[in-house]
Amino acid sequence: MSKLRRQLSASTNSVVEPKKLSDLKDKTGNVYESIAIIAKRANQINITIKEELHNKLEEFASHTDSLEEIHENKEQIEISRAYERMPNPALLATAEFLDDKVYFRRNDEDLFS
């Protein structure tokens, strides 16, 4: 498990909890903009996790098996279970956003000034 993933999942509960919309709105002034930022960050986290998982599973893959010889690889199963227990990327992104750990900017600020 990567250092980043351990840090994120250690402080984040994997159970969904309700959030106050006013907390989300206060960060950007618009709840929809806040949700869009969280969604983009969740996608980034998800891509990183997926790449990491595939790399770890690839280490244990057997490329010489035929369809009849496929057997369960216990290491792959344990790695998969560990990743399934981790918090959802959307939960991680929301926690980062509310803790001011996500950098975002508006591209249209100069246009309307």
PDB file of N, CA and C in Angstrom:
ATOM      1  N   MET A   1       0.851  -1.168   0.000  1.00  0.00           N
ATOM      2  CA  MET A   1       0.000   0.000   0.000  1.00  0.00           C
ATOM      3  C   MET A   1       0.901   1.237   0.000  1.00  0.00           C
ATOM      4  N   SER A   2       0.585   2.206  -0.804  1.00  0.00           N
ATOM      5  CA  SER A   2       1.435   3.370  -0.927  1.00  0.00           C
ATOM      6  C   SER A   2       1.359   4.239   0.325  1.00  0.00           C
ATOM      7  N   LYS A   3       2.382   5.047   0.497  1.00  0.00           N
ATOM      8  CA  LYS A   3       2.447   5.945   1.651  1.00  0.00           C
ATOM      9  C   LYS A   3       1.269   6.926   1.629  1.00  0.00           C
ATOM     10  N   LEU A   4       0.966   7.477   0.470  1.00  0.00           N
ATOM     11  CA  LEU A   4      -0.155   8.412   0.336  1.00  0.00           C
ATOM     12  C   LEU A   4      -1.458   7.738   0.715  1.00  0.00           C
ATOM     13  N   ARG A   5      -1.676   6.538   0.235  1.00  0.00           N
ATOM     14  CA  ARG A   5      -2.927   5.823   0.497  1.00  0.00           C
ATOM     15  C   ARG A   5      -3.076   5.514   1.982  1.00  0.00           C
ATOM     16  N   ARG A   6      -1.965   5.122   2.641  1.00  0.00           N
ATOM     17  CA  ARG A   6      -2.010   4.842   4.076  1.00  0.00           C
ATOM     18  C   ARG A   6      -2.372   6.082   4.863  1.00  0.00           C
ATOM     19  N   GLN A   7      -1.791   7.224   4.489  1.00  0.00           N
ATOM     20  CA  GLN A   7      -2.090   8.480   5.187  1.00  0.00           C
ATOM     21  C   GLN A   7      -3.549   8.858   5.020  1.00  0.00           C
ATOM     22  N   LEU A   8      -4.060   8.725   3.814  1.00  0.00           N
ATOM     23  CA  LEU A   8      -5.444   9.109   3.552  1.00  0.00           C
ATOM     24  C   LEU A   8      -6.424   8.200   4.267  1.00  0.00           C
ATOM     25  N   SER A   9      -6.188   6.896   4.188  1.00  0.00           N
ATOM     26  CA  SER A   9      -7.157   5.967   4.753  1.00  0.00           C
ATOM     27  C   SER A   9      -7.061   5.869   6.265  1.00  0.00           C
ATOM     28  N   ALA A  10      -5.937   6.250   6.846  1.00  0.00           N
ATOM     29  CA  ALA A  10      -5.792   6.171   8.297  1.00  0.00           C
ATOM     30  C   ALA A  10      -6.688   7.178   9.005  1.00  0.00           C
ATOM     31  N   SER A  11      -6.836   8.343   8.438  1.00  0.00           N
ATOM     32  CA  SER A  11      -7.604   9.394   9.104  1.00  0.00           C
ATOM     33  C   SER A  11      -9.043   9.486   8.614  1.00  0.00           C
ATOM     34  N   THR A  12      -9.417   8.699   7.624  1.00  0.00           N
ATOM     35  CA  THR A  12     -10.750   8.776   7.047  1.00  0.00           C
ATOM     36  C   THR A  12     -11.536   7.524   7.394  1.00  0.00           C
ATOM     37  N   ASN A  13     -12.747   7.740   7.868  1.00  0.00           N
ATOM     38  CA  ASN A  13     -13.638   6.639   8.179  1.00  0.00           C
ATOM     39  C   ASN A  13     -14.234   6.101   6.885  1.00  0.00           C
ATOM     40  N   SER A  14     -14.361   4.794   6.773  1.00  0.00           N
ATOM     41  CA  SER A  14     -14.885   4.218   5.535  1.00  0.00           C
ATOM     42  C   SER A  14     -16.411   4.160   5.525  1.00  0.00           C
ATOM     43  N   VAL A  15     -17.044   4.715   6.545  1.00  0.00           N
ATOM     44  CA  VAL A  15     -18.494   4.767   6.619  1.00  0.00           C
ATOM     45  C   VAL A  15     -18.952   6.150   6.147  1.00  0.00           C
ATOM     46  N   VAL A  16     -19.985   6.163   5.333  1.00  0.00           N
ATOM     47  CA  VAL A  16     -20.506   7.426   4.811  1.00  0.00           C
ATOM     48  C   VAL A  16     -21.213   8.176   5.937  1.00  0.00           C
ATOM     49  N   GLU A  17     -20.845   9.442   6.095  1.00  0.00           N
ATOM     50  CA  GLU A  17     -21.473  10.293   7.097  1.00  0.00           C
ATOM     51  C   GLU A  17     -22.039  11.522   6.409  1.00  0.00           C
ATOM     52  N   PRO A  18     -23.167  12.026   6.889  1.00  0.00           N
ATOM     53  CA  PRO A  18     -23.732  13.228   6.266  1.00  0.00           C
ATOM     54  C   PRO A  18     -22.847  14.446   6.512  1.00  0.00           C
ATOM     55  N   LYS A  19     -22.788  15.313   5.527  1.00  0.00           N
ATOM     56  CA  LYS A  19     -22.018  16.559   5.629  1.00  0.00           C
ATOM     57  C   LYS A  19     -22.974  17.731   5.495  1.00  0.00           C
ATOM     58  N   LYS A  20     -22.638  18.810   6.140  1.00  0.00           N
ATOM     59  CA  LYS A  20     -23.458  20.011   6.019  1.00  0.00           C
ATOM     60  C   LYS A  20     -23.148  20.684   4.691  1.00  0.00           C
ATOM     61  N   LEU A  21     -24.185  20.980   3.941  1.00  0.00           N
ATOM     62  CA  LEU A  21     -23.986  21.657   2.663  1.00  0.00           C
ATOM     63  C   LEU A  21     -23.382  23.034   2.854  1.00  0.00           C
ATOM     64  N   SER A  22     -23.674  23.665   3.984  1.00  0.00           N
ATOM     65  CA  SER A  22     -23.109  24.991   4.239  1.00  0.00           C
ATOM     66  C   SER A  22     -21.589  24.922   4.365  1.00  0.00           C
ATOM     67  N   ASP A  23     -21.058  23.807   4.903  1.00  0.00           N
ATOM     68  CA  ASP A  23     -19.605  23.651   4.993  1.00  0.00           C
ATOM     69  C   ASP A  23     -18.979  23.562   3.608  1.00  0.00           C
ATOM     70  N   LEU A  24     -19.653  22.832   2.713  1.00  0.00           N
ATOM     71  CA  LEU A  24     -19.152  22.725   1.348  1.00  0.00           C
ATOM     72  C   LEU A  24     -19.264  24.056   0.616  1.00  0.00           C
ATOM     73  N   LYS A  25     -20.366  24.746   0.832  1.00  0.00           N
ATOM     74  CA  LYS A  25     -20.602  26.016   0.146  1.00  0.00           C
ATOM     75  C   LYS A  25     -19.629  27.097   0.619  1.00  0.00           C
ATOM     76  N   ASP A  26     -19.260  27.072   1.883  1.00  0.00           N
ATOM     77  CA  ASP A  26     -18.380  28.098   2.439  1.00  0.00           C
ATOM     78  C   ASP A  26     -17.000  28.108   1.785  1.00  0.00           C
ATOM     79  N   LYS A  27     -16.548  26.975   1.295  1.00  0.00           N
ATOM     80  CA  LYS A  27     -15.201  26.893   0.698  1.00  0.00           C
ATOM     81  C   LYS A  27     -15.109  27.623  -0.636  1.00  0.00           C
ATOM     82  N   THR A  28     -16.178  27.570  -1.443  1.00  0.00           N
ATOM     83  CA  THR A  28     -16.124  28.159  -2.781  1.00  0.00           C
ATOM     84  C   THR A  28     -17.198  29.208  -3.028  1.00  0.00           C
ATOM     85  N   GLY A  29     -18.221  29.225  -2.185  1.00  0.00           N
ATOM     86  CA  GLY A  29     -19.335  30.138  -2.413  1.00  0.00           C
ATOM     87  C   GLY A  29     -20.457  29.500  -3.211  1.00  0.00           C
ATOM     88  N   ASN A  30     -20.247  28.293  -3.697  1.00  0.00           N
ATOM     89  CA  ASN A  30     -21.238  27.605  -4.511  1.00  0.00           C
ATOM     90  C   ASN A  30     -21.130  26.107  -4.231  1.00  0.00           C
ATOM     91  N   VAL A  31     -22.221  25.502  -3.792  1.00  0.00           N
ATOM     92  CA  VAL A  31     -22.190  24.081  -3.436  1.00  0.00           C
ATOM     93  C   VAL A  31     -21.886  23.205  -4.651  1.00  0.00           C
ATOM     94  N   TYR A  32     -22.381  23.577  -5.819  1.00  0.00           N
ATOM     95  CA  TYR A  32     -22.148  22.772  -7.030  1.00  0.00           C
ATOM     96  C   TYR A  32     -20.685  22.829  -7.454  1.00  0.00           C
ATOM     97  N   GLU A  33     -20.081  23.979  -7.293  1.00  0.00           N
ATOM     98  CA  GLU A  33     -18.654  24.111  -7.613  1.00  0.00           C
ATOM     99  C   GLU A  33     -17.819  23.256  -6.651  1.00  0.00           C
ATOM    100  N   SER A  34     -18.190  23.265  -5.390  1.00  0.00           N
ATOM    101  CA  SER A  34     -17.491  22.437  -4.403  1.00  0.00           C
ATOM    102  C   SER A  34     -17.602  20.956  -4.749  1.00  0.00           C
ATOM    103  N   ILE A  35     -18.792  20.529  -5.132  1.00  0.00           N
ATOM    104  CA  ILE A  35     -18.993  19.121  -5.485  1.00  0.00           C
ATOM    105  C   ILE A  35     -18.197  18.759  -6.737  1.00  0.00           C
ATOM    106  N   ALA A  36     -18.115  19.671  -7.687  1.00  0.00           N
ATOM    107  CA  ALA A  36     -17.323  19.417  -8.898  1.00  0.00           C
ATOM    108  C   ALA A  36     -15.844  19.260  -8.552  1.00  0.00           C
ATOM    109  N   ILE A  37     -15.353  20.076  -7.636  1.00  0.00           N
ATOM    110  CA  ILE A  37     -13.950  19.980  -7.207  1.00  0.00           C
ATOM    111  C   ILE A  37     -13.706  18.649  -6.511  1.00  0.00           C
ATOM    112  N   ILE A  38     -14.622  18.257  -5.639  1.00  0.00           N
ATOM    113  CA  ILE A  38     -14.497  16.981  -4.931  1.00  0.00           C
ATOM    114  C   ILE A  38     -14.527  15.825  -5.923  1.00  0.00           C
ATOM    115  N   ALA A  39     -15.396  15.898  -6.919  1.00  0.00           N
ATOM    116  CA  ALA A  39     -15.492  14.831  -7.918  1.00  0.00           C
ATOM    117  C   ALA A  39     -14.199  14.702  -8.718  1.00  0.00           C
ATOM    118  N   LYS A  40     -13.603  15.813  -9.094  1.00  0.00           N
ATOM    119  CA  LYS A  40     -12.344  15.757  -9.845  1.00  0.00           C
ATOM    120  C   LYS A  40     -11.232  15.155  -9.000  1.00  0.00           C
ATOM    121  N   ARG A  41     -11.176  15.525  -7.729  1.00  0.00           N
ATOM    122  CA  ARG A  41     -10.156  14.969  -6.838  1.00  0.00           C
ATOM    123  C   ARG A  41     -10.392  13.476  -6.609  1.00  0.00           C
ATOM    124  N   ALA A  42     -11.661  13.072  -6.481  1.00  0.00           N
ATOM    125  CA  ALA A  42     -11.983  11.658  -6.299  1.00  0.00           C
ATOM    126  C   ALA A  42     -11.535  10.845  -7.515  1.00  0.00           C
ATOM    127  N   ASN A  43     -11.707  11.394  -8.703  1.00  0.00           N
ATOM    128  CA  ASN A  43     -11.239  10.715  -9.919  1.00  0.00           C
ATOM    129  C   ASN A  43      -9.725  10.555  -9.913  1.00  0.00           C
ATOM    130  N   GLN A  44      -9.005  11.588  -9.469  1.00  0.00           N
ATOM    131  CA  GLN A  44      -7.546  11.504  -9.384  1.00  0.00           C
ATOM    132  C   GLN A  44      -7.122  10.408  -8.409  1.00  0.00           C
ATOM    133  N   ILE A  45      -7.752  10.380  -7.252  1.00  0.00           N
ATOM    134  CA  ILE A  45      -7.430   9.367  -6.246  1.00  0.00           C
ATOM    135  C   ILE A  45      -7.749   7.975  -6.786  1.00  0.00           C
ATOM    136  N   ASN A  46      -8.893   7.833  -7.435  1.00  0.00           N
ATOM    137  CA  ASN A  46      -9.306   6.543  -7.967  1.00  0.00           C
ATOM    138  C   ASN A  46      -8.325   6.018  -9.015  1.00  0.00           C
ATOM    139  N   ILE A  47      -7.858   6.882  -9.887  1.00  0.00           N
ATOM    140  CA  ILE A  47      -6.890   6.475 -10.906  1.00  0.00           C
ATOM    141  C   ILE A  47      -5.591   6.010 -10.257  1.00  0.00           C
ATOM    142  N   THR A  48      -5.131   6.723  -9.253  1.00  0.00           N
ATOM    143  CA  THR A  48      -3.906   6.349  -8.554  1.00  0.00           C
ATOM    144  C   THR A  48      -4.050   4.995  -7.868  1.00  0.00           C
ATOM    145  N   ILE A  49      -5.172   4.801  -7.202  1.00  0.00           N
ATOM    146  CA  ILE A  49      -5.422   3.540  -6.497  1.00  0.00           C
ATOM    147  C   ILE A  49      -5.499   2.388  -7.491  1.00  0.00           C
ATOM    148  N   LYS A  50      -6.196   2.602  -8.594  1.00  0.00           N
ATOM    149  CA  LYS A  50      -6.364   1.550  -9.592  1.00  0.00           C
ATOM    150  C   LYS A  50      -5.014   1.139 -10.187  1.00  0.00           C
ATOM    151  N   GLU A  51      -4.176   2.117 -10.500  1.00  0.00           N
ATOM    152  CA  GLU A  51      -2.853   1.812 -11.044  1.00  0.00           C
ATOM    153  C   GLU A  51      -2.021   1.036 -10.021  1.00  0.00           C
ATOM    154  N   GLU A  52      -2.081   1.463  -8.780  1.00  0.00           N
ATOM    155  CA  GLU A  52      -1.325   0.811  -7.721  1.00  0.00           C
ATOM    156  C   GLU A  52      -1.798  -0.634  -7.521  1.00  0.00           C
ATOM    157  N   LEU A  53      -3.102  -0.834  -7.509  1.00  0.00           N
ATOM    158  CA  LEU A  53      -3.655  -2.179  -7.338  1.00  0.00           C
ATOM    159  C   LEU A  53      -3.257  -3.087  -8.494  1.00  0.00           C
ATOM    160  N   HIS A  54      -3.379  -2.608  -9.719  1.00  0.00           N
ATOM    161  CA  HIS A  54      -3.022  -3.426 -10.874  1.00  0.00           C
ATOM    162  C   HIS A  54      -1.538  -3.776 -10.874  1.00  0.00           C
ATOM    163  N   ASN A  55      -0.690  -2.837 -10.462  1.00  0.00           N
ATOM    164  CA  ASN A  55       0.745  -3.121 -10.390  1.00  0.00           C
ATOM    165  C   ASN A  55       1.033  -4.200  -9.350  1.00  0.00           C
ATOM    166  N   LYS A  56       0.380  -4.119  -8.199  1.00  0.00           N
ATOM    167  CA  LYS A  56       0.605  -5.128  -7.165  1.00  0.00           C
ATOM    168  C   LYS A  56       0.080  -6.490  -7.593  1.00  0.00           C
ATOM    169  N   LEU A  57      -1.095  -6.527  -8.216  1.00  0.00           N
ATOM    170  CA  LEU A  57      -1.650  -7.803  -8.654  1.00  0.00           C
ATOM    171  C   LEU A  57      -0.822  -8.406  -9.781  1.00  0.00           C
ATOM    172  N   GLU A  58      -0.238  -7.556 -10.606  1.00  0.00           N
ATOM    173  CA  GLU A  58       0.590  -8.029 -11.721  1.00  0.00           C
ATOM    174  C   GLU A  58       1.834  -8.753 -11.222  1.00  0.00           C
ATOM    175  N   GLU A  59       2.326  -8.371 -10.045  1.00  0.00           N
ATOM    176  CA  GLU A  59       3.500  -9.034  -9.488  1.00  0.00           C
ATOM    177  C   GLU A  59       3.239 -10.519  -9.234  1.00  0.00           C
ATOM    178  N   PHE A  60       2.009 -10.857  -8.886  1.00  0.00           N
ATOM    179  CA  PHE A  60       1.666 -12.234  -8.545  1.00  0.00           C
ATOM    180  C   PHE A  60       1.003 -12.984  -9.686  1.00  0.00           C
ATOM    181  N   ALA A  61       0.808 -12.341 -10.819  1.00  0.00           N
ATOM    182  CA  ALA A  61       0.105 -12.973 -11.932  1.00  0.00           C
ATOM    183  C   ALA A  61       0.972 -14.050 -12.559  1.00  0.00           C
ATOM    184  N   SER A  62       0.305 -15.098 -12.983  1.00  0.00           N
ATOM    185  CA  SER A  62       0.971 -16.180 -13.681  1.00  0.00           C
ATOM    186  C   SER A  62       0.507 -16.132 -15.137  1.00  0.00           C
ATOM    187  N   HIS A  63       1.430 -15.884 -16.045  1.00  0.00           N
ATOM    188  CA  HIS A  63       1.076 -15.681 -17.441  1.00  0.00           C
ATOM    189  C   HIS A  63       1.077 -16.987 -18.255  1.00  0.00           C
ATOM    190  N   THR A  64       1.467 -18.090 -17.639  1.00  0.00           N
ATOM    191  CA  THR A  64       1.563 -19.343 -18.380  1.00  0.00           C
ATOM    192  C   THR A  64       0.370 -20.259 -18.165  1.00  0.00           C
ATOM    193  N   ASP A  65      -0.582 -19.863 -17.357  1.00  0.00           N
ATOM    194  CA  ASP A  65      -1.740 -20.717 -17.069  1.00  0.00           C
ATOM    195  C   ASP A  65      -2.681 -20.786 -18.266  1.00  0.00           C
ATOM    196  N   SER A  66      -3.221 -21.940 -18.488  1.00  0.00           N
ATOM    197  CA  SER A  66      -4.286 -22.071 -19.473  1.00  0.00           C
ATOM    198  C   SER A  66      -5.609 -21.936 -18.730  1.00  0.00           C
ATOM    199  N   LEU A  67      -6.693 -21.936 -19.452  1.00  0.00           N
ATOM    200  CA  LEU A  67      -7.995 -21.773 -18.828  1.00  0.00           C
ATOM    201  C   LEU A  67      -8.297 -22.889 -17.833  1.00  0.00           C
ATOM    202  N   GLU A  68      -7.830 -24.085 -18.084  1.00  0.00           N
ATOM    203  CA  GLU A  68      -8.098 -25.201 -17.193  1.00  0.00           C
ATOM    204  C   GLU A  68      -7.255 -25.125 -15.925  1.00  0.00           C
ATOM    205  N   GLU A  69      -6.136 -24.453 -15.986  1.00  0.00           N
ATOM    206  CA  GLU A  69      -5.199 -24.461 -14.864  1.00  0.00           C
ATOM    207  C   GLU A  69      -5.305 -23.222 -13.978  1.00  0.00           C
ATOM    208  N   ILE A  70      -6.321 -22.429 -14.157  1.00  0.00           N
ATOM    209  CA  ILE A  70      -6.457 -21.229 -13.333  1.00  0.00           C
ATOM    210  C   ILE A  70      -6.762 -21.649 -11.897  1.00  0.00           C
ATOM    211  N   HIS A  71      -6.000 -21.147 -10.990  1.00  0.00           N
ATOM    212  CA  HIS A  71      -6.203 -21.451  -9.573  1.00  0.00           C
ATOM    213  C   HIS A  71      -6.187 -20.144  -8.784  1.00  0.00           C
ATOM    214  N   GLU A  72      -6.660 -20.229  -7.576  1.00  0.00           N
ATOM    215  CA  GLU A  72      -6.710 -19.027  -6.747  1.00  0.00           C
ATOM    216  C   GLU A  72      -5.319 -18.697  -6.229  1.00  0.00           C
ATOM    217  N   ASN A  73      -4.961 -17.464  -6.352  1.00  0.00           N
ATOM    218  CA  ASN A  73      -3.700 -16.990  -5.825  1.00  0.00           C
ATOM    219  C   ASN A  73      -4.002 -16.240  -4.532  1.00  0.00           C
ATOM    220  N   LYS A  74      -3.571 -16.777  -3.417  1.00  0.00           N
ATOM    221  CA  LYS A  74      -3.928 -16.215  -2.114  1.00  0.00           C
ATOM    222  C   LYS A  74      -3.386 -14.806  -1.921  1.00  0.00           C
ATOM    223  N   GLU A  75      -2.216 -14.517  -2.470  1.00  0.00           N
ATOM    224  CA  GLU A  75      -1.660 -13.170  -2.336  1.00  0.00           C
ATOM    225  C   GLU A  75      -2.541 -12.142  -3.043  1.00  0.00           C
ATOM    226  N   GLN A  76      -3.002 -12.501  -4.237  1.00  0.00           N
ATOM    227  CA  GLN A  76      -3.882 -11.592  -4.975  1.00  0.00           C
ATOM    228  C   GLN A  76      -5.186 -11.369  -4.229  1.00  0.00           C
ATOM    229  N   ILE A  77      -5.719 -12.411  -3.641  1.00  0.00           N
ATOM    230  CA  ILE A  77      -6.977 -12.285  -2.900  1.00  0.00           C
ATOM    231  C   ILE A  77      -6.800 -11.379  -1.690  1.00  0.00           C
ATOM    232  N   GLU A  78      -5.707 -11.535  -0.966  1.00  0.00           N
ATOM    233  CA  GLU A  78      -5.457 -10.695   0.208  1.00  0.00           C
ATOM    234  C   GLU A  78      -5.269  -9.228  -0.176  1.00  0.00           C
ATOM    235  N   ILE A  79      -4.554  -8.979  -1.261  1.00  0.00           N
ATOM    236  CA  ILE A  79      -4.362  -7.603  -1.727  1.00  0.00           C
ATOM    237  C   ILE A  79      -5.704  -6.998  -2.121  1.00  0.00           C
ATOM    238  N   SER A  80      -6.508  -7.759  -2.833  1.00  0.00           N
ATOM    239  CA  SER A  80      -7.826  -7.267  -3.252  1.00  0.00           C
ATOM    240  C   SER A  80      -8.706  -6.962  -2.053  1.00  0.00           C
ATOM    241  N   ARG A  81      -8.691  -7.818  -1.066  1.00  0.00           N
ATOM    242  CA  ARG A  81      -9.497  -7.578   0.143  1.00  0.00           C
ATOM    243  C   ARG A  81      -9.036  -6.344   0.891  1.00  0.00           C
ATOM    244  N   ALA A  82      -7.727  -6.128   0.952  1.00  0.00           N
ATOM    245  CA  ALA A  82      -7.209  -4.944   1.632  1.00  0.00           C
ATOM    246  C   ALA A  82      -7.676  -3.675   0.932  1.00  0.00           C
ATOM    247  N   TYR A  83      -7.682  -3.685  -0.393  1.00  0.00           N
ATOM    248  CA  TYR A  83      -8.130  -2.511  -1.135  1.00  0.00           C
ATOM    249  C   TYR A  83      -9.639  -2.315  -1.023  1.00  0.00           C
ATOM    250  N   GLU A  84     -10.389  -3.407  -0.886  1.00  0.00           N
ATOM    251  CA  GLU A  84     -11.838  -3.292  -0.731  1.00  0.00           C
ATOM    252  C   GLU A  84     -12.214  -2.675   0.609  1.00  0.00           C
ATOM    253  N   ARG A  85     -11.394  -2.878   1.629  1.00  0.00           N
ATOM    254  CA  ARG A  85     -11.675  -2.327   2.957  1.00  0.00           C
ATOM    255  C   ARG A  85     -11.335  -0.841   3.066  1.00  0.00           C
ATOM    256  N   MET A  86     -10.587  -0.337   2.127  1.00  0.00           N
ATOM    257  CA  MET A  86     -10.188   1.080   2.173  1.00  0.00           C
ATOM    258  C   MET A  86     -11.381   1.985   1.893  1.00  0.00           C
ATOM    259  N   PRO A  87     -11.315   3.220   2.389  1.00  0.00           N
ATOM    260  CA  PRO A  87     -12.411   4.166   2.130  1.00  0.00           C
ATOM    261  C   PRO A  87     -12.563   4.479   0.646  1.00  0.00           C
ATOM    262  N   ASN A  88     -13.766   4.794   0.270  1.00  0.00           N
ATOM    263  CA  ASN A  88     -14.111   5.175  -1.088  1.00  0.00           C
ATOM    264  C   ASN A  88     -13.344   6.455  -1.479  1.00  0.00           C
ATOM    265  N   PRO A  89     -12.877   6.574  -2.722  1.00  0.00           N
ATOM    266  CA  PRO A  89     -12.180   7.802  -3.137  1.00  0.00           C
ATOM    267  C   PRO A  89     -13.009   9.075  -2.951  1.00  0.00           C
ATOM    268  N   ALA A  90     -14.325   8.977  -3.078  1.00  0.00           N
ATOM    269  CA  ALA A  90     -15.175  10.155  -2.868  1.00  0.00           C
ATOM    270  C   ALA A  90     -15.133  10.599  -1.405  1.00  0.00           C
ATOM    271  N   LEU A  91     -15.077   9.637  -0.486  1.00  0.00           N
ATOM    272  CA  LEU A  91     -14.967   9.981   0.935  1.00  0.00           C
ATOM    273  C   LEU A  91     -13.617  10.630   1.231  1.00  0.00           C
ATOM    274  N   LEU A  92     -12.573  10.086   0.624  1.00  0.00           N
ATOM    275  CA  LEU A  92     -11.237  10.660   0.815  1.00  0.00           C
ATOM    276  C   LEU A  92     -11.163  12.077   0.253  1.00  0.00           C
ATOM    277  N   ALA A  93     -11.731  12.270  -0.923  1.00  0.00           N
ATOM    278  CA  ALA A  93     -11.703  13.589  -1.556  1.00  0.00           C
ATOM    279  C   ALA A  93     -12.507  14.603  -0.750  1.00  0.00           C
ATOM    280  N   THR A  94     -13.639  14.190  -0.218  1.00  0.00           N
ATOM    281  CA  THR A  94     -14.447  15.099   0.597  1.00  0.00           C
ATOM    282  C   THR A  94     -13.709  15.482   1.869  1.00  0.00           C
ATOM    283  N   ALA A  95     -13.067  14.521   2.509  1.00  0.00           N
ATOM    284  CA  ALA A  95     -12.293  14.817   3.713  1.00  0.00           C
ATOM    285  C   ALA A  95     -11.146  15.775   3.413  1.00  0.00           C
ATOM    286  N   GLU A  96     -10.448  15.559   2.299  1.00  0.00           N
ATOM    287  CA  GLU A  96      -9.365  16.461   1.900  1.00  0.00           C
ATOM    288  C   GLU A  96      -9.906  17.865   1.647  1.00  0.00           C
ATOM    289  N   PHE A  97     -11.035  17.952   0.961  1.00  0.00           N
ATOM    290  CA  PHE A  97     -11.621  19.254   0.628  1.00  0.00           C
ATOM    291  C   PHE A  97     -12.018  20.011   1.887  1.00  0.00           C
ATOM    292  N   LEU A  98     -12.653  19.330   2.820  1.00  0.00           N
ATOM    293  CA  LEU A  98     -13.090  19.991   4.049  1.00  0.00           C
ATOM    294  C   LEU A  98     -11.917  20.355   4.959  1.00  0.00           C
ATOM    295  N   ASP A  99     -10.797  19.644   4.828  1.00  0.00           N
ATOM    296  CA  ASP A  99      -9.593  19.951   5.616  1.00  0.00           C
ATOM    297  C   ASP A  99      -8.660  20.919   4.900  1.00  0.00           C
ATOM    298  N   ASP A 100      -9.113  21.506   3.803  1.00  0.00           N
ATOM    299  CA  ASP A 100      -8.329  22.463   3.006  1.00  0.00           C
ATOM    300  C   ASP A 100      -7.025  21.871   2.486  1.00  0.00           C
ATOM    301  N   LYS A 101      -7.055  20.622   2.089  1.00  0.00           N
ATOM    302  CA  LYS A 101      -5.876  19.962   1.531  1.00  0.00           C
ATOM    303  C   LYS A 101      -5.938  19.868   0.013  1.00  0.00           C
ATOM    304  N   VAL A 102      -6.981  20.414  -0.597  1.00  0.00           N
ATOM    305  CA  VAL A 102      -7.149  20.380  -2.046  1.00  0.00           C
ATOM    306  C   VAL A 102      -6.926  21.783  -2.585  1.00  0.00           C
ATOM    307  N   TYR A 103      -6.010  21.899  -3.545  1.00  0.00           N
ATOM    308  CA  TYR A 103      -5.772  23.188  -4.195  1.00  0.00           C
ATOM    309  C   TYR A 103      -6.676  23.275  -5.411  1.00  0.00           C
ATOM    310  N   PHE A 104      -7.396  24.389  -5.533  1.00  0.00           N
ATOM    311  CA  PHE A 104      -8.225  24.616  -6.709  1.00  0.00           C
ATOM    312  C   PHE A 104      -8.174  26.100  -7.040  1.00  0.00           C
ATOM    313  N   ARG A 105      -8.462  26.401  -8.295  1.00  0.00           N
ATOM    314  CA  ARG A 105      -8.493  27.797  -8.743  1.00  0.00           C
ATOM    315  C   ARG A 105      -9.542  27.951  -9.821  1.00  0.00           C
ATOM    316  N   ARG A 106      -9.969  29.159  -9.988  1.00  0.00           N
ATOM    317  CA  ARG A 106     -10.952  29.467 -11.029  1.00  0.00           C
ATOM    318  C   ARG A 106     -10.227  30.087 -12.209  1.00  0.00           C
ATOM    319  N   ASN A 107     -10.520  29.615 -13.387  1.00  0.00           N
ATOM    320  CA  ASN A 107      -9.887  30.148 -14.590  1.00  0.00           C
ATOM    321  C   ASN A 107     -10.558  31.422 -15.079  1.00  0.00           C
ATOM    322  N   ASP A 108     -11.810  31.651 -14.689  1.00  0.00           N
ATOM    323  CA  ASP A 108     -12.550  32.790 -15.224  1.00  0.00           C
ATOM    324  C   ASP A 108     -12.489  34.029 -14.334  1.00  0.00           C
ATOM    325  N   GLU A 109     -11.672  34.069 -13.292  1.00  0.00           N
ATOM    326  CA  GLU A 109     -11.623  35.237 -12.408  1.00  0.00           C
ATOM    327  C   GLU A 109     -11.145  36.495 -13.124  1.00  0.00           C
ATOM    328  N   ASP A 110     -10.166  36.335 -13.996  1.00  0.00           N
ATOM    329  CA  ASP A 110      -9.620  37.506 -14.697  1.00  0.00           C
ATOM    330  C   ASP A 110     -10.602  38.044 -15.746  1.00  0.00           C
ATOM    331  N   LEU A 111     -11.465  37.202 -16.257  1.00  0.00           N
ATOM    332  CA  LEU A 111     -12.393  37.630 -17.293  1.00  0.00           C
ATOM    333  C   LEU A 111     -13.461  38.584 -16.760  1.00  0.00           C
ATOM    334  N   PHE A 112     -13.865  38.417 -15.525  1.00  0.00           N
ATOM    335  CA  PHE A 112     -14.959  39.208 -14.995  1.00  0.00           C
ATOM    336  C   PHE A 112     -14.501  40.361 -14.101  1.00  0.00           C
ATOM    337  N   SER A 113     -13.230  40.528 -13.916  1.00  0.00           N
ATOM    338  CA  SER A 113     -12.714  41.582 -13.038  1.00  0.00           C
ATOM    339  C   SER A 113     -12.658  42.933 -13.743  1.00  0.00           C
TER     340      SER A 113
END
